[in-house]
Structures are given as C-alpha cells and as structure tokens.
N, C-alpha and C. Protein backbone atom coordinates (compact mmCIF):
# COMPACT_ATOMS: atom_id res chain seq x y z
N MET A 1 3.00 36.56 -24.42
CA MET A 1 2.40 36.19 -23.01
C MET A 1 1.96 34.73 -23.19
N ALA A 2 1.97 33.96 -24.64
CA ALA A 2 1.30 32.72 -24.25
C ALA A 2 2.55 32.14 -23.81
N ASN A 3 3.78 32.41 -23.64
CA ASN A 3 4.80 31.41 -22.57
C ASN A 3 4.68 31.56 -21.37
N GLU A 4 3.88 32.82 -20.97
CA GLU A 4 3.79 32.57 -19.43
C GLU A 4 3.35 31.23 -18.70
N THR A 5 4.36 30.52 -17.58
CA THR A 5 4.01 30.45 -16.77
C THR A 5 2.94 30.27 -15.13
N ARG A 6 2.02 29.80 -15.04
CA ARG A 6 1.39 29.91 -13.75
C ARG A 6 2.29 30.22 -12.07
N SER A 7 1.85 30.58 -11.77
CA SER A 7 2.42 30.90 -10.16
C SER A 7 1.89 29.65 -9.52
N VAL A 8 2.81 29.72 -8.64
CA VAL A 8 2.58 28.24 -7.69
C VAL A 8 1.08 27.98 -7.18
N LYS A 9 0.81 29.25 -6.72
CA LYS A 9 -0.67 29.60 -5.58
C LYS A 9 -1.44 29.03 -6.78
N GLU A 10 -1.51 29.05 -7.91
CA GLU A 10 -2.45 28.85 -9.09
C GLU A 10 -2.53 27.66 -9.69
N VAL A 11 -1.50 27.12 -9.43
CA VAL A 11 -1.06 25.62 -9.54
C VAL A 11 -1.89 24.35 -8.40
N VAL A 12 -1.42 24.75 -7.19
CA VAL A 12 -1.42 23.97 -6.45
C VAL A 12 -3.00 23.40 -6.63
N PRO A 13 -3.75 24.19 -6.10
CA PRO A 13 -5.26 22.98 -6.70
C PRO A 13 -5.62 22.45 -7.78
N TYR A 14 -5.01 22.87 -8.73
CA TYR A 14 -4.72 21.92 -10.04
C TYR A 14 -3.79 20.49 -9.59
N VAL A 15 -3.40 20.65 -9.29
CA VAL A 15 -2.09 19.17 -8.39
C VAL A 15 -2.69 18.54 -7.73
N GLY A 16 -3.60 19.00 -6.75
CA GLY A 16 -4.07 17.86 -5.67
C GLY A 16 -4.89 17.72 -5.99
N ILE A 17 -6.03 18.22 -7.28
CA ILE A 17 -6.97 17.17 -7.53
C ILE A 17 -6.58 16.24 -8.85
N VAL A 18 -5.49 16.74 -9.47
CA VAL A 18 -5.16 15.44 -9.98
C VAL A 18 -4.53 14.56 -9.67
N ALA A 19 -3.41 15.11 -8.60
CA ALA A 19 -3.14 13.59 -7.84
C ALA A 19 -3.96 13.07 -6.92
N LEU A 20 -5.11 13.71 -6.34
CA LEU A 20 -6.42 12.84 -5.88
C LEU A 20 -6.80 12.13 -7.15
N ALA A 21 -7.14 12.37 -8.63
CA ALA A 21 -7.47 11.40 -9.62
C ALA A 21 -6.54 10.47 -9.65
N PHE A 22 -4.98 10.24 -9.53
CA PHE A 22 -4.25 9.39 -9.46
C PHE A 22 -4.32 8.73 -8.32
N PHE A 23 -4.53 8.52 -7.32
CA PHE A 23 -4.69 8.15 -5.98
C PHE A 23 -6.06 7.22 -6.01
N ILE A 24 -7.00 7.73 -6.89
CA ILE A 24 -8.28 6.84 -6.94
C ILE A 24 -7.96 6.19 -7.80
N ALA A 25 -7.76 5.79 -9.05
CA ALA A 25 -6.88 5.22 -9.84
C ALA A 25 -5.99 4.05 -9.58
N GLY A 26 -4.69 4.65 -9.28
CA GLY A 26 -3.98 3.43 -7.75
C GLY A 26 -4.85 2.56 -7.29
N PHE A 27 -5.50 3.08 -6.51
CA PHE A 27 -6.86 1.95 -6.15
C PHE A 27 -7.50 0.70 -6.93
N LEU A 28 -8.24 1.82 -7.75
CA LEU A 28 -8.80 0.83 -9.24
C LEU A 28 -7.90 -0.07 -9.59
N THR A 29 -6.72 0.38 -10.36
CA THR A 29 -5.80 -0.55 -11.02
C THR A 29 -5.66 -1.60 -10.22
N PHE A 30 -5.41 -1.33 -8.62
CA PHE A 30 -4.85 -2.16 -7.82
C PHE A 30 -5.61 -2.94 -7.75
N SER A 31 -7.21 -3.26 -7.60
CA SER A 31 -8.27 -4.06 -6.91
C SER A 31 -8.18 -4.90 -8.20
N LEU A 32 -8.20 -4.53 -9.84
CA LEU A 32 -8.03 -5.13 -11.22
C LEU A 32 -6.89 -6.18 -10.81
N TYR A 33 -5.72 -6.11 -11.02
CA TYR A 33 -4.85 -6.43 -10.51
C TYR A 33 -4.64 -7.53 -9.45
N ASN A 34 -5.71 -7.19 -8.23
CA ASN A 34 -5.48 -8.17 -7.22
C ASN A 34 -6.72 -9.40 -7.65
N GLY A 35 -7.32 -8.53 -8.18
CA GLY A 35 -8.95 -10.09 -8.90
C GLY A 35 -7.90 -10.77 -9.99
N VAL A 36 -7.21 -9.91 -11.07
CA VAL A 36 -6.47 -11.11 -12.00
C VAL A 36 -5.89 -12.10 -11.43
N VAL A 37 -4.78 -11.84 -10.26
CA VAL A 37 -3.95 -12.47 -9.96
C VAL A 37 -5.45 -13.87 -9.14
N ASN A 38 -5.43 -13.24 -7.97
CA ASN A 38 -6.76 -14.49 -7.14
C ASN A 38 -7.09 -15.08 -8.04
N GLU A 39 -7.75 -14.76 -9.35
CA GLU A 39 -8.24 -16.14 -9.87
C GLU A 39 -7.03 -16.63 -11.31
N VAL A 40 -5.77 -16.52 -11.05
CA VAL A 40 -5.12 -17.04 -12.44
C VAL A 40 -4.10 -17.91 -11.13
N TYR A 41 -3.73 -17.26 -9.91
CA TYR A 41 -2.43 -18.14 -9.47
C TYR A 41 -3.84 -18.37 -7.88
N PRO A 42 -2.72 -19.40 -7.33
CA PRO A 42 -3.26 -20.36 -6.83
C PRO A 42 -3.76 -19.06 -4.91
N TRP A 43 -4.16 -19.30 -4.27
CA TRP A 43 -4.12 -18.35 -2.94
C TRP A 43 -2.72 -18.24 -2.03
N PRO A 44 -1.87 -18.85 -1.82
CA PRO A 44 -0.17 -18.68 -1.40
C PRO A 44 0.41 -17.33 -1.95
N TYR A 45 0.34 -17.32 -3.68
CA TYR A 45 0.57 -16.46 -4.17
C TYR A 45 -0.11 -15.09 -3.57
N THR A 46 -1.31 -15.12 -4.07
CA THR A 46 -2.32 -13.72 -3.26
C THR A 46 -2.37 -13.36 -2.03
N HIS A 47 -1.58 -13.77 -0.86
CA HIS A 47 -2.24 -14.02 0.79
C HIS A 47 -1.13 -12.54 0.48
N PHE A 48 -1.55 -11.56 0.93
CA PHE A 48 -0.02 -10.80 1.47
C PHE A 48 0.64 -10.97 3.13
N GLU A 49 -0.06 -10.99 4.15
CA GLU A 49 0.48 -11.77 5.59
C GLU A 49 0.77 -10.35 5.95
N ASN A 50 0.36 -9.29 6.38
CA ASN A 50 0.68 -8.21 6.62
C ASN A 50 2.29 -7.47 5.85
N ASN A 51 2.02 -8.35 4.77
CA ASN A 51 3.67 -6.96 4.08
C ASN A 51 2.61 -6.31 3.00
N MET A 52 2.62 -4.57 3.30
CA MET A 52 1.90 -4.04 2.37
C MET A 52 2.44 -3.44 1.43
N THR A 53 4.00 -3.63 1.68
CA THR A 53 5.39 -3.50 0.31
C THR A 53 4.88 -2.89 -0.58
N PHE A 54 4.48 -3.70 -1.31
CA PHE A 54 3.96 -4.06 -2.78
C PHE A 54 2.36 -2.94 -3.09
N PHE A 55 1.79 -2.58 -2.32
CA PHE A 55 0.20 -2.20 -2.10
C PHE A 55 0.92 -0.53 -2.00
N GLY A 56 2.32 -0.34 -1.12
CA GLY A 56 2.85 1.19 -0.80
C GLY A 56 3.39 1.81 -1.75
N ALA A 57 4.10 0.81 -2.59
CA ALA A 57 4.85 1.06 -3.65
C ALA A 57 4.21 1.75 -4.56
N TRP A 58 3.04 0.73 -5.22
CA TRP A 58 2.09 0.64 -6.10
C TRP A 58 1.63 2.06 -5.83
N MET A 59 0.59 1.95 -5.02
CA MET A 59 -0.06 3.68 -4.71
C MET A 59 1.06 4.84 -4.56
N GLY A 60 2.35 4.62 -3.91
CA GLY A 60 3.16 5.99 -4.32
C GLY A 60 3.44 6.50 -5.83
N ALA A 61 4.02 5.37 -6.34
CA ALA A 61 4.08 5.66 -8.00
C ALA A 61 2.74 5.93 -8.54
N TRP A 62 1.47 5.79 -8.39
CA TRP A 62 0.75 6.58 -8.62
C TRP A 62 0.35 7.74 -8.11
N VAL A 63 0.79 7.79 -6.92
CA VAL A 63 0.69 9.48 -6.48
C VAL A 63 1.99 10.49 -7.25
N VAL A 64 3.00 10.02 -7.33
CA VAL A 64 4.15 10.16 -7.52
C VAL A 64 3.92 10.47 -8.85
N ALA A 65 2.88 9.98 -10.03
CA ALA A 65 3.21 10.10 -10.98
C ALA A 65 1.72 11.67 -11.36
N GLY A 66 1.07 11.57 -10.58
CA GLY A 66 -0.29 12.50 -10.64
C GLY A 66 0.58 14.02 -10.15
N VAL A 67 1.30 13.52 -9.14
CA VAL A 67 1.84 14.91 -8.87
C VAL A 67 2.60 15.58 -9.75
N ALA A 68 3.54 14.88 -10.88
CA ALA A 68 4.04 15.37 -11.54
C ALA A 68 3.49 15.70 -12.50
N THR A 69 2.72 14.94 -12.88
CA THR A 69 1.46 15.32 -14.38
C THR A 69 1.11 16.62 -14.37
N GLY A 70 -0.24 16.72 -12.88
CA GLY A 70 -0.23 18.18 -11.94
C GLY A 70 0.19 19.10 -12.60
N VAL A 71 1.63 19.09 -11.73
CA VAL A 71 3.02 20.31 -12.11
C VAL A 71 2.96 20.77 -13.34
N TYR A 72 3.25 19.35 -13.98
CA TYR A 72 3.71 20.00 -15.83
C TYR A 72 2.62 20.85 -16.45
N TYR A 73 1.05 20.08 -15.95
CA TYR A 73 -0.26 20.41 -17.06
C TYR A 73 -0.09 21.64 -16.10
N GLY A 74 -0.62 21.74 -14.64
CA GLY A 74 -0.46 22.52 -14.30
C GLY A 74 0.26 24.06 -14.82
N ARG A 75 1.28 23.70 -14.37
CA ARG A 75 2.04 25.22 -15.01
C ARG A 75 1.96 26.01 -16.42
N LYS A 76 1.57 25.01 -17.57
CA LYS A 76 1.72 25.48 -18.86
C LYS A 76 0.53 26.40 -19.01
C-alpha cells in the first residue's frame, strides 16, 4: 500500500497550489533581480522598451518548475 500513487483528481488541487506558489516566487525573484540590476548597471541596460520576452521566459520557467514539482510530490 505504501507504493500506491494518488489519482489525477486528487493531485490537481495540490499542483495548482504549488504552481501558484512558484508563480508568486517568480514575481518576487524577478523583482529582486531587477532591483539589483538597476543598482549595478546604468539605465539603458535595464530598460525593456516593450520587450517582455525575458520576463515571460522567467515566469514560464518558474511555472513549469512549479507544475513539475507539484506533480512529482502530489503523486507520491
């Protein structure tokens, strides 16, 4: 019985909570990163000029990591 995994219906709420937590962590780490960059580098290096590719990739990586972590630990 110890090796049984949970069904998908039981795991979905857990995955959602973990993914949301990682999404929030992504915002926090990006704001920390952006604050450090603004202090170290001059203005032209920190101005995105409508280029949200880096931000989207950053947040996407955090969400994918959250979903993967949620699925892995939720199924145990």
